[in-house]
């Protein structure tokens, strides 16, 4: 829902959710629960589409799983999203 009156509430809620999602993602990495890691990454990207922690974790997991095509797609998507948001390419 796009209602300016809810923007502050939405922003606060997203920030409250972000820390526990990152913690859950990291715990899932430690447990080698890669399916859960990728679910967390997806949720984090709904909140912050260019979250670097989620992106680096996603690329690490996809490499580990040998999902090269998905890895390439994830990198392309991240870079395109970054460019749309900031109007420039992400420095490597």
C-alpha atoms as a PDB file:
ATOM      1  CA  UNK A   1       0.000   0.000   0.000  1.00  0.00           C
ATOM      2  CA  UNK A   2       1.395   3.365  -0.986  1.00  0.00           C
ATOM      3  CA  UNK A   3       0.152   5.852   1.602  1.00  0.00           C
ATOM      4  CA  UNK A   4       2.477   8.646   2.739  1.00  0.00           C
ATOM      5  CA  UNK A   5       0.849   8.673   6.161  1.00  0.00           C
ATOM      6  CA  UNK A   6       2.179   5.136   6.736  1.00  0.00           C
ATOM      7  CA  UNK A   7       5.750   5.791   5.541  1.00  0.00           C
ATOM      8  CA  UNK A   8       7.180   6.390   9.022  1.00  0.00           C
ATOM      9  CA  UNK A   9       5.477   3.301  10.420  1.00  0.00           C
ATOM     10  CA  UNK A  10       6.656   1.222   7.468  1.00  0.00           C
ATOM     11  CA  UNK A  11      10.224   2.457   7.808  1.00  0.00           C
ATOM     12  CA  UNK A  12      10.368   1.717  11.544  1.00  0.00           C
ATOM     13  CA  UNK A  13       8.846  -1.721  11.055  1.00  0.00           C
ATOM     14  CA  UNK A  14      11.336  -2.560   8.320  1.00  0.00           C
ATOM     15  CA  UNK A  15      14.265  -1.506  10.497  1.00  0.00           C
ATOM     16  CA  UNK A  16      12.947  -3.619  13.390  1.00  0.00           C
ATOM     17  CA  UNK A  17      12.732  -6.657  11.098  1.00  0.00           C
ATOM     18  CA  UNK A  18      16.091  -6.209   9.424  1.00  0.00           C
ATOM     19  CA  UNK A  19      18.346  -7.042  12.406  1.00  0.00           C
ATOM     20  CA  UNK A  20      16.593 -10.295  13.362  1.00  0.00           C
ATOM     21  CA  UNK A  21      16.481 -11.397   9.712  1.00  0.00           C
ATOM     22  CA  UNK A  22      20.223 -10.820   9.355  1.00  0.00           C
ATOM     23  CA  UNK A  23      20.835 -12.695  12.615  1.00  0.00           C
ATOM     24  CA  UNK A  24      18.677 -15.599  11.402  1.00  0.00           C
ATOM     25  CA  UNK A  25      20.468 -15.582   8.053  1.00  0.00           C
ATOM     26  CA  UNK A  26      23.863 -15.727   9.775  1.00  0.00           C
ATOM     27  CA  UNK A  27      22.727 -18.511  12.115  1.00  0.00           C
ATOM     28  CA  UNK A  28      21.445 -20.464   9.119  1.00  0.00           C
ATOM     29  CA  UNK A  29      24.828 -20.067   7.417  1.00  0.00           C
ATOM     30  CA  UNK A  30      26.550 -21.473  10.511  1.00  0.00           C
ATOM     31  CA  UNK A  31      24.174 -24.451  10.449  1.00  0.00           C
ATOM     32  CA  UNK A  32      24.670 -24.914   6.693  1.00  0.00           C
ATOM     33  CA  UNK A  33      20.906 -24.518   6.236  1.00  0.00           C
ATOM     34  CA  UNK A  34      21.271 -22.902   2.831  1.00  0.00           C
ATOM     35  CA  UNK A  35      17.593 -23.079   1.926  1.00  0.00           C
ATOM     36  CA  UNK A  36      16.775 -20.951   4.973  1.00  0.00           C
ATOM     37  CA  UNK A  37      19.653 -18.600   4.161  1.00  0.00           C
ATOM     38  CA  UNK A  38      18.234 -17.926   0.715  1.00  0.00           C
ATOM     39  CA  UNK A  39      14.752 -17.360   2.179  1.00  0.00           C
ATOM     40  CA  UNK A  40      16.211 -14.808   4.601  1.00  0.00           C
ATOM     41  CA  UNK A  41      18.083 -13.096   1.768  1.00  0.00           C
ATOM     42  CA  UNK A  42      14.842 -12.797  -0.179  1.00  0.00           C
ATOM     43  CA  UNK A  43      13.077 -11.245   2.823  1.00  0.00           C
ATOM     44  CA  UNK A  44      15.948  -8.844   3.462  1.00  0.00           C
ATOM     45  CA  UNK A  45      15.882  -7.730  -0.168  1.00  0.00           C
ATOM     46  CA  UNK A  46      12.172  -6.863   0.204  1.00  0.00           C
ATOM     47  CA  UNK A  47      13.197  -4.431   2.921  1.00  0.00           C
ATOM     48  CA  UNK A  48      16.533  -3.288   1.509  1.00  0.00           C
ATOM     49  CA  UNK A  49      17.042  -4.278  -2.132  1.00  0.00           C
ATOM     50  CA  UNK A  50      20.757  -3.459  -2.046  1.00  0.00           C
ATOM     51  CA  UNK A  51      21.693  -4.827   1.366  1.00  0.00           C
ATOM     52  CA  UNK A  52      25.360  -5.709   0.974  1.00  0.00           C
ATOM     53  CA  UNK A  53      25.404  -8.255   3.797  1.00  0.00           C
ATOM     54  CA  UNK A  54      22.553 -10.203   2.219  1.00  0.00           C
ATOM     55  CA  UNK A  55      24.123  -9.934  -1.233  1.00  0.00           C
ATOM     56  CA  UNK A  56      27.507 -11.232  -0.096  1.00  0.00           C
ATOM     57  CA  UNK A  57      25.869 -14.043   1.843  1.00  0.00           C
ATOM     58  CA  UNK A  58      23.705 -14.933  -1.148  1.00  0.00           C
ATOM     59  CA  UNK A  59      26.707 -15.103  -3.481  1.00  0.00           C
ATOM     60  CA  UNK A  60      28.652 -17.192  -0.963  1.00  0.00           C
ATOM     61  CA  UNK A  61      25.810 -19.704  -0.612  1.00  0.00           C
ATOM     62  CA  UNK A  62      25.131 -19.937  -4.338  1.00  0.00           C
ATOM     63  CA  UNK A  63      28.852 -20.596  -4.959  1.00  0.00           C
ATOM     64  CA  UNK A  64      28.832 -23.234  -2.240  1.00  0.00           C
ATOM     65  CA  UNK A  65      25.827 -24.923  -3.823  1.00  0.00           C
ATOM     66  CA  UNK A  66      27.427 -24.776  -7.271  1.00  0.00           C
ATOM     67  CA  UNK A  67      24.527 -22.758  -8.669  1.00  0.00           C
ATOM     68  CA  UNK A  68      26.598 -20.746 -11.126  1.00  0.00           C
ATOM     69  CA  UNK A  69      23.703 -19.570 -13.317  1.00  0.00           C
ATOM     70  CA  UNK A  70      21.711 -18.395 -10.290  1.00  0.00           C
ATOM     71  CA  UNK A  71      24.847 -16.669  -9.001  1.00  0.00           C
ATOM     72  CA  UNK A  72      25.303 -14.796 -12.270  1.00  0.00           C
ATOM     73  CA  UNK A  73      21.626 -13.799 -12.284  1.00  0.00           C
ATOM     74  CA  UNK A  74      21.862 -12.586  -8.673  1.00  0.00           C
ATOM     75  CA  UNK A  75      24.900 -10.425  -9.457  1.00  0.00           C
ATOM     76  CA  UNK A  76      23.238  -8.926 -12.531  1.00  0.00           C
ATOM     77  CA  UNK A  77      20.018  -8.237 -10.620  1.00  0.00           C
ATOM     78  CA  UNK A  78      21.867  -6.636  -7.696  1.00  0.00           C
ATOM     79  CA  UNK A  79      23.891  -4.383 -10.009  1.00  0.00           C
ATOM     80  CA  UNK A  80      20.796  -3.366 -11.989  1.00  0.00           C
ATOM     81  CA  UNK A  81      18.917  -2.556  -8.789  1.00  0.00           C
ATOM     82  CA  UNK A  82      21.849  -0.546  -7.478  1.00  0.00           C
ATOM     83  CA  UNK A  83      22.059   1.403 -10.721  1.00  0.00           C
ATOM     84  CA  UNK A  84      18.305   2.141 -10.675  1.00  0.00           C
ATOM     85  CA  UNK A  85      18.507   3.411  -7.103  1.00  0.00           C
ATOM     86  CA  UNK A  86      21.680   5.467  -7.398  1.00  0.00           C
ATOM     87  CA  UNK A  87      21.999   6.111 -11.120  1.00  0.00           C
ATOM     88  CA  UNK A  88      25.489   4.646 -11.208  1.00  0.00           C
ATOM     89  CA  UNK A  89      27.232   1.298 -11.219  1.00  0.00           C
ATOM     90  CA  UNK A  90      28.353  -0.225  -7.940  1.00  0.00           C
ATOM     91  CA  UNK A  91      32.106   0.093  -7.527  1.00  0.00           C
ATOM     92  CA  UNK A  92      33.786  -3.272  -7.255  1.00  0.00           C
END
